[in-house]
Each structure stands twice: as structure tokens, then as C-alpha cells.
Amino acid sequence: MANKKKKHYIFTDKKNPPRAVMSSILGVISLGAIAIVTTLTFRTQGNAKSEYGASLFLAMIFSLVGVALGALAKMEKDKFYFFCYLGIFLNLLALGAISFILYAGAYGL
């Protein structure tokens, strides 16, 4: 007899929470802004314009909102949680990068 494979279908009504997707998008935007500002600052040999600081401040606000949205989305029941974890991770990574930049600037690393 041929080895019959049983087809198992799992029907679910789980969806990705919109807050989690927005959290991931904010994390990507924040990390992109940090990468661009860091690259532009290196090109000018450390002479950062005030616009760079303003954009990093905005990226920090985006990251804080992204962490909050990811945490709120994680509390929802019967949802897919991949974008929750991804958004929280990306936003915490962005906050860590901004913290490192501020620490390096304050203590001259």
C-alpha cells in the first residue's frame, strides 16, 4: 500500500494586530533614520547639524511609541504575535542605539 498522507487543515481566524504591524513599521523607520544620520555624521567627520539631532529625537519618540504599541498588541488574545515581537525588538534596538550615541557624545567615546 502506498503511504497515504493525511491532509490536516487548520482553520483559524487569527490575524496580525494592526498595532503590531505599526510597531514594526515604526521600528524600521527609526533604525533607518539612525543609520542615515550616523552615516551623514561620519561623512562630515563628526560635525553633526542640528537637523540630525532633531531627526534622532523624532526617531526616539517613534521608538517609544513603537514599544508601547507592540506591548499593547501582545496583550490581545487569539492573534499572531510575530509582528509584536519584531516591533518590540526593532524599537528596543533603536532605543539602545540612540542611548549609545548619547552616551558616546557625553563621555567622548
PDB file of N, CA and C in Angstrom:
ATOM      1  N   MET A   1       0.827  -1.182   0.000  1.00  0.00           N
ATOM      2  CA  MET A   1       0.000   0.000   0.000  1.00  0.00           C
ATOM      3  C   MET A   1       0.870   1.243   0.000  1.00  0.00           C
ATOM      4  N   ALA A   2       0.445   2.181  -0.730  1.00  0.00           N
ATOM      5  CA  ALA A   2       1.159   3.458  -0.763  1.00  0.00           C
ATOM      6  C   ALA A   2       0.934   4.193   0.556  1.00  0.00           C
ATOM      7  N   ASN A   3       1.945   4.901   0.938  1.00  0.00           N
ATOM      8  CA  ASN A   3       1.875   5.649   2.189  1.00  0.00           C
ATOM      9  C   ASN A   3       0.985   6.871   1.983  1.00  0.00           C
ATOM     10  N   LYS A   4      -0.203   6.794   2.531  1.00  0.00           N
ATOM     11  CA  LYS A   4      -1.137   7.905   2.365  1.00  0.00           C
ATOM     12  C   LYS A   4      -0.832   8.984   3.383  1.00  0.00           C
ATOM     13  N   LYS A   5      -0.764  10.197   2.867  1.00  0.00           N
ATOM     14  CA  LYS A   5      -0.586  11.329   3.770  1.00  0.00           C
ATOM     15  C   LYS A   5      -1.959  11.892   4.094  1.00  0.00           C
ATOM     16  N   LYS A   6      -2.145  12.092   5.338  1.00  0.00           N
ATOM     17  CA  LYS A   6      -3.394  12.707   5.750  1.00  0.00           C
ATOM     18  C   LYS A   6      -3.250  14.207   5.618  1.00  0.00           C
ATOM     19  N   LYS A   7      -4.236  14.796   5.053  1.00  0.00           N
ATOM     20  CA  LYS A   7      -4.217  16.243   4.916  1.00  0.00           C
ATOM     21  C   LYS A   7      -4.938  16.838   6.110  1.00  0.00           C
ATOM     22  N   HIS A   8      -4.190  17.641   6.835  1.00  0.00           N
ATOM     23  CA  HIS A   8      -4.757  18.300   8.003  1.00  0.00           C
ATOM     24  C   HIS A   8      -4.893  19.777   7.692  1.00  0.00           C
ATOM     25  N   TYR A   9      -6.075  20.233   7.772  1.00  0.00           N
ATOM     26  CA  TYR A   9      -6.331  21.648   7.577  1.00  0.00           C
ATOM     27  C   TYR A   9      -6.661  22.269   8.919  1.00  0.00           C
ATOM     28  N   ILE A  10      -6.026  23.373   9.164  1.00  0.00           N
ATOM     29  CA  ILE A  10      -6.310  24.096  10.390  1.00  0.00           C
ATOM     30  C   ILE A  10      -6.938  25.423   9.994  1.00  0.00           C
ATOM     31  N   PHE A  11      -8.146  25.574  10.395  1.00  0.00           N
ATOM     32  CA  PHE A  11      -8.836  26.820  10.107  1.00  0.00           C
ATOM     33  C   PHE A  11      -8.754  27.706  11.339  1.00  0.00           C
ATOM     34  N   THR A  12      -8.367  28.927  11.120  1.00  0.00           N
ATOM     35  CA  THR A  12      -8.226  29.845  12.232  1.00  0.00           C
ATOM     36  C   THR A  12      -8.709  31.222  11.811  1.00  0.00           C
ATOM     37  N   ASP A  13      -9.094  31.977  12.780  1.00  0.00           N
ATOM     38  CA  ASP A  13      -9.499  33.342  12.497  1.00  0.00           C
ATOM     39  C   ASP A  13      -8.501  34.326  13.094  1.00  0.00           C
ATOM     40  N   LYS A  14      -7.287  33.828  13.384  1.00  0.00           N
ATOM     41  CA  LYS A  14      -6.255  34.707  13.920  1.00  0.00           C
ATOM     42  C   LYS A  14      -5.788  35.683  12.845  1.00  0.00           C
ATOM     43  N   LYS A  15      -5.467  36.880  13.278  1.00  0.00           N
ATOM     44  CA  LYS A  15      -4.960  37.906  12.371  1.00  0.00           C
ATOM     45  C   LYS A  15      -3.780  38.597  13.032  1.00  0.00           C
ATOM     46  N   ASN A  16      -3.044  39.343  12.233  1.00  0.00           N
ATOM     47  CA  ASN A  16      -1.990  40.179  12.783  1.00  0.00           C
ATOM     48  C   ASN A  16      -2.619  41.459  13.314  1.00  0.00           C
ATOM     49  N   PRO A  17      -2.325  41.812  14.546  1.00  0.00           N
ATOM     50  CA  PRO A  17      -2.893  43.053  15.090  1.00  0.00           C
ATOM     51  C   PRO A  17      -2.329  44.273  14.363  1.00  0.00           C
ATOM     52  N   PRO A  18      -3.170  45.230  14.003  1.00  0.00           N
ATOM     53  CA  PRO A  18      -2.671  46.432  13.322  1.00  0.00           C
ATOM     54  C   PRO A  18      -1.657  47.212  14.165  1.00  0.00           C
ATOM     55  N   ARG A  19      -1.810  47.177  15.473  1.00  0.00           N
ATOM     56  CA  ARG A  19      -0.842  47.856  16.342  1.00  0.00           C
ATOM     57  C   ARG A  19       0.540  47.230  16.219  1.00  0.00           C
ATOM     58  N   ALA A  20       0.576  45.920  16.083  1.00  0.00           N
ATOM     59  CA  ALA A  20       1.858  45.227  15.967  1.00  0.00           C
ATOM     60  C   ALA A  20       2.539  45.557  14.643  1.00  0.00           C
ATOM     61  N   VAL A  21       1.765  45.620  13.580  1.00  0.00           N
ATOM     62  CA  VAL A  21       2.324  45.967  12.278  1.00  0.00           C
ATOM     63  C   VAL A  21       2.852  47.405  12.308  1.00  0.00           C
ATOM     64  N   MET A  22       2.104  48.304  12.928  1.00  0.00           N
ATOM     65  CA  MET A  22       2.551  49.693  13.047  1.00  0.00           C
ATOM     66  C   MET A  22       3.801  49.788  13.912  1.00  0.00           C
ATOM     67  N   SER A  23       3.893  48.975  14.934  1.00  0.00           N
ATOM     68  CA  SER A  23       5.079  48.945  15.772  1.00  0.00           C
ATOM     69  C   SER A  23       6.305  48.528  14.967  1.00  0.00           C
ATOM     70  N   SER A  24       6.153  47.525  14.120  1.00  0.00           N
ATOM     71  CA  SER A  24       7.262  47.082  13.276  1.00  0.00           C
ATOM     72  C   SER A  24       7.663  48.159  12.276  1.00  0.00           C
ATOM     73  N   ILE A  25       6.686  48.837  11.706  1.00  0.00           N
ATOM     74  CA  ILE A  25       6.976  49.906  10.747  1.00  0.00           C
ATOM     75  C   ILE A  25       7.717  51.047  11.434  1.00  0.00           C
ATOM     76  N   LEU A  26       7.287  51.424  12.626  1.00  0.00           N
ATOM     77  CA  LEU A  26       7.973  52.482  13.361  1.00  0.00           C
ATOM     78  C   LEU A  26       9.404  52.076  13.716  1.00  0.00           C
ATOM     79  N   GLY A  27       9.617  50.805  14.023  1.00  0.00           N
ATOM     80  CA  GLY A  27      10.964  50.325  14.304  1.00  0.00           C
ATOM     81  C   GLY A  27      11.874  50.417  13.091  1.00  0.00           C
ATOM     82  N   VAL A  28      11.356  50.057  11.923  1.00  0.00           N
ATOM     83  CA  VAL A  28      12.147  50.146  10.696  1.00  0.00           C
ATOM     84  C   VAL A  28      12.464  51.607  10.371  1.00  0.00           C
ATOM     85  N   ILE A  29      11.482  52.486  10.523  1.00  0.00           N
ATOM     86  CA  ILE A  29      11.707  53.911  10.270  1.00  0.00           C
ATOM     87  C   ILE A  29      12.762  54.463  11.231  1.00  0.00           C
ATOM     88  N   SER A  30      12.675  54.107  12.500  1.00  0.00           N
ATOM     89  CA  SER A  30      13.633  54.600  13.493  1.00  0.00           C
ATOM     90  C   SER A  30      15.042  54.112  13.197  1.00  0.00           C
ATOM     91  N   LEU A  31      15.179  52.834  12.907  1.00  0.00           N
ATOM     92  CA  LEU A  31      16.513  52.299  12.604  1.00  0.00           C
ATOM     93  C   LEU A  31      17.066  52.889  11.313  1.00  0.00           C
ATOM     94  N   GLY A  32      16.196  53.113  10.332  1.00  0.00           N
ATOM     95  CA  GLY A  32      16.635  53.746   9.092  1.00  0.00           C
ATOM     96  C   GLY A  32      17.120  55.168   9.326  1.00  0.00           C
ATOM     97  N   ALA A  33      16.388  55.918  10.142  1.00  0.00           N
ATOM     98  CA  ALA A  33      16.800  57.296  10.447  1.00  0.00           C
ATOM     99  C   ALA A  33      18.127  57.310  11.193  1.00  0.00           C
ATOM    100  N   ILE A  34      18.303  56.391  12.118  1.00  0.00           N
ATOM    101  CA  ILE A  34      19.565  56.321  12.870  1.00  0.00           C
ATOM    102  C   ILE A  34      20.724  55.993  11.935  1.00  0.00           C
ATOM    103  N   ALA A  35      20.510  55.048  11.020  1.00  0.00           N
ATOM    104  CA  ALA A  35      21.563  54.671  10.072  1.00  0.00           C
ATOM    105  C   ALA A  35      21.928  55.841   9.157  1.00  0.00           C
ATOM    106  N   ILE A  36      20.933  56.561   8.671  1.00  0.00           N
ATOM    107  CA  ILE A  36      21.199  57.693   7.772  1.00  0.00           C
ATOM    108  C   ILE A  36      21.928  58.809   8.509  1.00  0.00           C
ATOM    109  N   VAL A  37      21.463  59.150   9.707  1.00  0.00           N
ATOM    110  CA  VAL A  37      22.092  60.229  10.476  1.00  0.00           C
ATOM    111  C   VAL A  37      23.526  59.859  10.846  1.00  0.00           C
ATOM    112  N   THR A  38      23.752  58.624  11.235  1.00  0.00           N
ATOM    113  CA  THR A  38      25.102  58.186  11.587  1.00  0.00           C
ATOM    114  C   THR A  38      26.030  58.251  10.370  1.00  0.00           C
ATOM    115  N   THR A  39      25.543  57.813   9.228  1.00  0.00           N
ATOM    116  CA  THR A  39      26.342  57.855   8.003  1.00  0.00           C
ATOM    117  C   THR A  39      26.673  59.286   7.607  1.00  0.00           C
ATOM    118  N   LEU A  40      25.691  60.173   7.664  1.00  0.00           N
ATOM    119  CA  LEU A  40      25.932  61.570   7.303  1.00  0.00           C
ATOM    120  C   LEU A  40      26.882  62.248   8.281  1.00  0.00           C
ATOM    121  N   THR A  41      26.806  61.890   9.539  1.00  0.00           N
ATOM    122  CA  THR A  41      27.718  62.468  10.528  1.00  0.00           C
ATOM    123  C   THR A  41      29.146  61.982  10.314  1.00  0.00           C
ATOM    124  N   PHE A  42      29.312  60.720   9.961  1.00  0.00           N
ATOM    125  CA  PHE A  42      30.649  60.217   9.672  1.00  0.00           C
ATOM    126  C   PHE A  42      31.233  60.881   8.432  1.00  0.00           C
ATOM    127  N   ARG A  43      30.393  61.149   7.441  1.00  0.00           N
ATOM    128  CA  ARG A  43      30.881  61.793   6.216  1.00  0.00           C
ATOM    129  C   ARG A  43      31.396  63.206   6.477  1.00  0.00           C
ATOM    130  N   THR A  44      30.800  63.887   7.431  1.00  0.00           N
ATOM    131  CA  THR A  44      31.255  65.244   7.777  1.00  0.00           C
ATOM    132  C   THR A  44      32.259  65.227   8.921  1.00  0.00           C
ATOM    133  N   GLN A  45      32.824  64.077   9.208  1.00  0.00           N
ATOM    134  CA  GLN A  45      33.858  63.879  10.221  1.00  0.00           C
ATOM    135  C   GLN A  45      33.426  64.328  11.608  1.00  0.00           C
ATOM    136  N   GLY A  46      32.182  64.027  11.967  1.00  0.00           N
ATOM    137  CA  GLY A  46      31.688  64.281  13.310  1.00  0.00           C
ATOM    138  C   GLY A  46      31.000  65.612  13.505  1.00  0.00           C
ATOM    139  N   ASN A  47      30.934  66.427  12.480  1.00  0.00           N
ATOM    140  CA  ASN A  47      30.249  67.722  12.580  1.00  0.00           C
ATOM    141  C   ASN A  47      28.775  67.532  12.240  1.00  0.00           C
ATOM    142  N   ALA A  48      27.999  67.255  13.252  1.00  0.00           N
ATOM    143  CA  ALA A  48      26.581  66.979  13.048  1.00  0.00           C
ATOM    144  C   ALA A  48      25.792  68.277  13.029  1.00  0.00           C
ATOM    145  N   LYS A  49      24.851  68.357  12.113  1.00  0.00           N
ATOM    146  CA  LYS A  49      23.961  69.514  12.058  1.00  0.00           C
ATOM    147  C   LYS A  49      22.868  69.354  13.113  1.00  0.00           C
ATOM    148  N   SER A  50      22.208  70.438  13.427  1.00  0.00           N
ATOM    149  CA  SER A  50      21.139  70.368  14.419  1.00  0.00           C
ATOM    150  C   SER A  50      19.947  69.563  13.900  1.00  0.00           C
ATOM    151  N   GLU A  51      19.791  69.502  12.571  1.00  0.00           N
ATOM    152  CA  GLU A  51      18.711  68.708  11.986  1.00  0.00           C
ATOM    153  C   GLU A  51      18.889  67.220  12.283  1.00  0.00           C
ATOM    154  N   TYR A  52      20.146  66.787  12.376  1.00  0.00           N
ATOM    155  CA  TYR A  52      20.412  65.383  12.688  1.00  0.00           C
ATOM    156  C   TYR A  52      19.935  65.047  14.099  1.00  0.00           C
ATOM    157  N   GLY A  53      20.179  65.952  15.021  1.00  0.00           N
ATOM    158  CA  GLY A  53      19.716  65.743  16.394  1.00  0.00           C
ATOM    159  C   GLY A  53      18.202  65.728  16.478  1.00  0.00           C
ATOM    160  N   ALA A  54      17.570  66.612  15.693  1.00  0.00           N
ATOM    161  CA  ALA A  54      16.104  66.652  15.689  1.00  0.00           C
ATOM    162  C   ALA A  54      15.525  65.361  15.114  1.00  0.00           C
ATOM    163  N   SER A  55      16.160  64.835  14.080  1.00  0.00           N
ATOM    164  CA  SER A  55      15.642  63.595  13.497  1.00  0.00           C
ATOM    165  C   SER A  55      15.869  62.410  14.430  1.00  0.00           C
ATOM    166  N   LEU A  56      16.972  62.414  15.187  1.00  0.00           N
ATOM    167  CA  LEU A  56      17.173  61.344  16.171  1.00  0.00           C
ATOM    168  C   LEU A  56      16.194  61.463  17.330  1.00  0.00           C
ATOM    169  N   PHE A  57      15.865  62.694  17.705  1.00  0.00           N
ATOM    170  CA  PHE A  57      14.853  62.878  18.743  1.00  0.00           C
ATOM    171  C   PHE A  57      13.506  62.346  18.270  1.00  0.00           C
ATOM    172  N   LEU A  58      13.159  62.607  17.023  1.00  0.00           N
ATOM    173  CA  LEU A  58      11.914  62.086  16.453  1.00  0.00           C
ATOM    174  C   LEU A  58      11.953  60.560  16.370  1.00  0.00           C
ATOM    175  N   ALA A  59      13.106  59.999  16.016  1.00  0.00           N
ATOM    176  CA  ALA A  59      13.251  58.538  15.975  1.00  0.00           C
ATOM    177  C   ALA A  59      13.090  57.938  17.363  1.00  0.00           C
ATOM    178  N   MET A  60      13.568  58.652  18.391  1.00  0.00           N
ATOM    179  CA  MET A  60      13.407  58.171  19.756  1.00  0.00           C
ATOM    180  C   MET A  60      11.930  58.158  20.157  1.00  0.00           C
ATOM    181  N   ILE A  61      11.199  59.198  19.766  1.00  0.00           N
ATOM    182  CA  ILE A  61       9.767  59.234  20.056  1.00  0.00           C
ATOM    183  C   ILE A  61       9.047  58.109  19.311  1.00  0.00           C
ATOM    184  N   PHE A  62       9.412  57.889  18.034  1.00  0.00           N
ATOM    185  CA  PHE A  62       8.825  56.785  17.267  1.00  0.00           C
ATOM    186  C   PHE A  62       9.096  55.454  17.959  1.00  0.00           C
ATOM    187  N   SER A  63      10.301  55.276  18.468  1.00  0.00           N
ATOM    188  CA  SER A  63      10.658  54.012  19.124  1.00  0.00           C
ATOM    189  C   SER A  63       9.878  53.804  20.415  1.00  0.00           C
ATOM    190  N   LEU A  64       9.709  54.861  21.178  1.00  0.00           N
ATOM    191  CA  LEU A  64       8.934  54.732  22.411  1.00  0.00           C
ATOM    192  C   LEU A  64       7.478  54.378  22.117  1.00  0.00           C
ATOM    193  N   VAL A  65       6.913  55.027  21.105  1.00  0.00           N
ATOM    194  CA  VAL A  65       5.536  54.715  20.706  1.00  0.00           C
ATOM    195  C   VAL A  65       5.469  53.290  20.148  1.00  0.00           C
ATOM    196  N   GLY A  66       6.496  52.875  19.405  1.00  0.00           N
ATOM    197  CA  GLY A  66       6.536  51.529  18.842  1.00  0.00           C
ATOM    198  C   GLY A  66       6.586  50.446  19.900  1.00  0.00           C
ATOM    199  N   VAL A  67       7.359  50.666  20.950  1.00  0.00           N
ATOM    200  CA  VAL A  67       7.415  49.697  22.056  1.00  0.00           C
ATOM    201  C   VAL A  67       6.049  49.601  22.728  1.00  0.00           C
ATOM    202  N   ALA A  68       5.421  50.756  22.943  1.00  0.00           N
ATOM    203  CA  ALA A  68       4.098  50.756  23.587  1.00  0.00           C
ATOM    204  C   ALA A  68       3.064  50.046  22.708  1.00  0.00           C
ATOM    205  N   LEU A  69       3.090  50.310  21.402  1.00  0.00           N
ATOM    206  CA  LEU A  69       2.133  49.644  20.504  1.00  0.00           C
ATOM    207  C   LEU A  69       2.370  48.141  20.451  1.00  0.00           C
ATOM    208  N   GLY A  70       3.638  47.737  20.429  1.00  0.00           N
ATOM    209  CA  GLY A  70       3.953  46.308  20.424  1.00  0.00           C
ATOM    210  C   GLY A  70       3.483  45.614  21.688  1.00  0.00           C
ATOM    211  N   ALA A  71       3.660  46.278  22.832  1.00  0.00           N
ATOM    212  CA  ALA A  71       3.221  45.694  24.101  1.00  0.00           C
ATOM    213  C   ALA A  71       1.696  45.619  24.167  1.00  0.00           C
ATOM    214  N   LEU A  72       1.025  46.655  23.691  1.00  0.00           N
ATOM    215  CA  LEU A  72      -0.442  46.624  23.678  1.00  0.00           C
ATOM    216  C   LEU A  72      -0.971  45.541  22.745  1.00  0.00           C
ATOM    217  N   ALA A  73      -0.316  45.373  21.605  1.00  0.00           N
ATOM    218  CA  ALA A  73      -0.752  44.332  20.661  1.00  0.00           C
ATOM    219  C   ALA A  73      -0.496  42.941  21.219  1.00  0.00           C
ATOM    220  N   LYS A  74       0.562  42.787  22.004  1.00  0.00           N
ATOM    221  CA  LYS A  74       0.868  41.475  22.592  1.00  0.00           C
ATOM    222  C   LYS A  74      -0.181  41.066  23.611  1.00  0.00           C
ATOM    223  N   MET A  75      -0.863  42.017  24.217  1.00  0.00           N
ATOM    224  CA  MET A  75      -1.877  41.700  25.214  1.00  0.00           C
ATOM    225  C   MET A  75      -3.200  41.238  24.600  1.00  0.00           C
ATOM    226  N   GLU A  76      -3.355  41.400  23.293  1.00  0.00           N
ATOM    227  CA  GLU A  76      -4.589  40.953  22.644  1.00  0.00           C
ATOM    228  C   GLU A  76      -4.606  39.428  22.577  1.00  0.00           C
ATOM    229  N   LYS A  77      -5.777  38.855  22.708  1.00  0.00           N
ATOM    230  CA  LYS A  77      -5.930  37.401  22.702  1.00  0.00           C
ATOM    231  C   LYS A  77      -6.194  36.898  21.281  1.00  0.00           C
ATOM    232  N   ASP A  78      -5.767  35.668  21.028  1.00  0.00           N
ATOM    233  CA  ASP A  78      -6.011  34.964  19.771  1.00  0.00           C
ATOM    234  C   ASP A  78      -5.559  35.750  18.552  1.00  0.00           C
ATOM    235  N   LYS A  79      -4.314  36.205  18.578  1.00  0.00           N
ATOM    236  CA  LYS A  79      -3.710  36.920  17.461  1.00  0.00           C
ATOM    237  C   LYS A  79      -2.371  36.278  17.157  1.00  0.00           C
ATOM    238  N   PHE A  80      -1.840  36.576  15.978  1.00  0.00           N
ATOM    239  CA  PHE A  80      -0.477  36.181  15.665  1.00  0.00           C
ATOM    240  C   PHE A  80       0.460  37.193  16.315  1.00  0.00           C
ATOM    241  N   TYR A  81       1.541  36.713  16.917  1.00  0.00           N
ATOM    242  CA  TYR A  81       2.400  37.579  17.706  1.00  0.00           C
ATOM    243  C   TYR A  81       3.755  37.868  17.073  1.00  0.00           C
ATOM    244  N   PHE A  82       3.978  37.442  15.840  1.00  0.00           N
ATOM    245  CA  PHE A  82       5.286  37.666  15.210  1.00  0.00           C
ATOM    246  C   PHE A  82       5.610  39.151  15.103  1.00  0.00           C
ATOM    247  N   PHE A  83       4.674  39.941  14.605  1.00  0.00           N
ATOM    248  CA  PHE A  83       4.932  41.367  14.440  1.00  0.00           C
ATOM    249  C   PHE A  83       5.021  42.083  15.788  1.00  0.00           C
ATOM    250  N   CYS A  84       4.384  41.551  16.803  1.00  0.00           N
ATOM    251  CA  CYS A  84       4.529  42.121  18.155  1.00  0.00           C
ATOM    252  C   CYS A  84       5.978  42.009  18.607  1.00  0.00           C
ATOM    253  N   TYR A  85       6.516  40.801  18.522  1.00  0.00           N
ATOM    254  CA  TYR A  85       7.887  40.579  18.949  1.00  0.00           C
ATOM    255  C   TYR A  85       8.875  41.336  18.058  1.00  0.00           C
ATOM    256  N   LEU A  86       8.622  41.342  16.755  1.00  0.00           N
ATOM    257  CA  LEU A  86       9.509  42.046  15.833  1.00  0.00           C
ATOM    258  C   LEU A  86       9.507  43.544  16.112  1.00  0.00           C
ATOM    259  N   GLY A  87       8.335  44.120  16.319  1.00  0.00           N
ATOM    260  CA  GLY A  87       8.239  45.545  16.596  1.00  0.00           C
ATOM    261  C   GLY A  87       8.915  45.929  17.897  1.00  0.00           C
ATOM    262  N   ILE A  88       8.692  45.140  18.930  1.00  0.00           N
ATOM    263  CA  ILE A  88       9.328  45.425  20.221  1.00  0.00           C
ATOM    264  C   ILE A  88      10.842  45.319  20.091  1.00  0.00           C
ATOM    265  N   PHE A  89      11.323  44.287  19.409  1.00  0.00           N
ATOM    266  CA  PHE A  89      12.764  44.103  19.240  1.00  0.00           C
ATOM    267  C   PHE A  89      13.387  45.257  18.455  1.00  0.00           C
ATOM    268  N   LEU A  90      12.795  45.625  17.321  1.00  0.00           N
ATOM    269  CA  LEU A  90      13.353  46.697  16.498  1.00  0.00           C
ATOM    270  C   LEU A  90      13.366  48.026  17.239  1.00  0.00           C
ATOM    271  N   ASN A  91      12.296  48.309  17.954  1.00  0.00           N
ATOM    272  CA  ASN A  91      12.223  49.576  18.671  1.00  0.00           C
ATOM    273  C   ASN A  91      13.176  49.617  19.858  1.00  0.00           C
ATOM    274  N   LEU A  92      13.341  48.507  20.559  1.00  0.00           N
ATOM    275  CA  LEU A  92      14.324  48.475  21.643  1.00  0.00           C
ATOM    276  C   LEU A  92      15.742  48.580  21.104  1.00  0.00           C
ATOM    277  N   LEU A  93      15.982  48.003  19.933  1.00  0.00           N
ATOM    278  CA  LEU A  93      17.285  48.126  19.284  1.00  0.00           C
ATOM    279  C   LEU A  93      17.555  49.586  18.918  1.00  0.00           C
ATOM    280  N   ALA A  94      16.544  50.272  18.404  1.00  0.00           N
ATOM    281  CA  ALA A  94      16.692  51.690  18.062  1.00  0.00           C
ATOM    282  C   ALA A  94      16.937  52.524  19.316  1.00  0.00           C
ATOM    283  N   LEU A  95      16.202  52.258  20.388  1.00  0.00           N
ATOM    284  CA  LEU A  95      16.415  52.992  21.639  1.00  0.00           C
ATOM    285  C   LEU A  95      17.813  52.729  22.199  1.00  0.00           C
ATOM    286  N   GLY A  96      18.291  51.511  22.069  1.00  0.00           N
ATOM    287  CA  GLY A  96      19.649  51.194  22.507  1.00  0.00           C
ATOM    288  C   GLY A  96      20.698  51.929  21.687  1.00  0.00           C
ATOM    289  N   ALA A  97      20.476  52.023  20.383  1.00  0.00           N
ATOM    290  CA  ALA A  97      21.420  52.741  19.522  1.00  0.00           C
ATOM    291  C   ALA A  97      21.438  54.228  19.856  1.00  0.00           C
ATOM    292  N   ILE A  98      20.276  54.808  20.090  1.00  0.00           N
ATOM    293  CA  ILE A  98      20.212  56.225  20.459  1.00  0.00           C
ATOM    294  C   ILE A  98      20.867  56.451  21.812  1.00  0.00           C
ATOM    295  N   SER A  99      20.652  55.541  22.739  1.00  0.00           N
ATOM    296  CA  SER A  99      21.287  55.654  24.055  1.00  0.00           C
ATOM    297  C   SER A  99      22.803  55.587  23.938  1.00  0.00           C
ATOM    298  N   PHE A 100      23.289  54.697  23.086  1.00  0.00           N
ATOM    299  CA  PHE A 100      24.729  54.588  22.883  1.00  0.00           C
ATOM    300  C   PHE A 100      25.290  55.862  22.266  1.00  0.00           C
ATOM    301  N   ILE A 101      24.576  56.438  21.306  1.00  0.00           N
ATOM    302  CA  ILE A 101      25.038  57.680  20.676  1.00  0.00           C
ATOM    303  C   ILE A 101      25.098  58.805  21.712  1.00  0.00           C
ATOM    304  N   LEU A 102      24.078  58.898  22.557  1.00  0.00           N
ATOM    305  CA  LEU A 102      24.089  59.927  23.596  1.00  0.00           C
ATOM    306  C   LEU A 102      25.204  59.684  24.610  1.00  0.00           C
ATOM    307  N   TYR A 103      25.424  58.443  24.994  1.00  0.00           N
ATOM    308  CA  TYR A 103      26.495  58.107  25.936  1.00  0.00           C
ATOM    309  C   TYR A 103      27.854  58.424  25.330  1.00  0.00           C
ATOM    310  N   ALA A 104      28.045  58.049  24.068  1.00  0.00           N
ATOM    311  CA  ALA A 104      29.320  58.310  23.399  1.00  0.00           C
ATOM    312  C   ALA A 104      29.563  59.808  23.253  1.00  0.00           C
ATOM    313  N   GLY A 105      28.519  60.567  22.998  1.00  0.00           N
ATOM    314  CA  GLY A 105      28.676  62.008  22.886  1.00  0.00           C
ATOM    315  C   GLY A 105      28.967  62.677  24.213  1.00  0.00           C
ATOM    316  N   ALA A 106      28.388  62.173  25.274  1.00  0.00           N
ATOM    317  CA  ALA A 106      28.575  62.786  26.591  1.00  0.00           C
ATOM    318  C   ALA A 106      29.939  62.471  27.180  1.00  0.00           C
ATOM    319  N   TYR A 107      30.430  61.254  26.945  1.00  0.00           N
ATOM    320  CA  TYR A 107      31.688  60.843  27.556  1.00  0.00           C
ATOM    321  C   TYR A 107      32.836  60.730  26.558  1.00  0.00           C
ATOM    322  N   GLY A 108      32.632  61.195  25.357  1.00  0.00           N
ATOM    323  CA  GLY A 108      33.719  61.298  24.367  1.00  0.00           C
ATOM    324  C   GLY A 108      34.304  59.987  23.905  1.00  0.00           C
ATOM    325  N   LEU A 109      33.470  59.021  23.594  1.00  0.00           N
ATOM    326  CA  LEU A 109      33.986  57.743  23.088  1.00  0.00           C
ATOM    327  C   LEU A 109      34.324  57.842  21.628  1.00  0.00           C
TER     328      LEU A 109
END
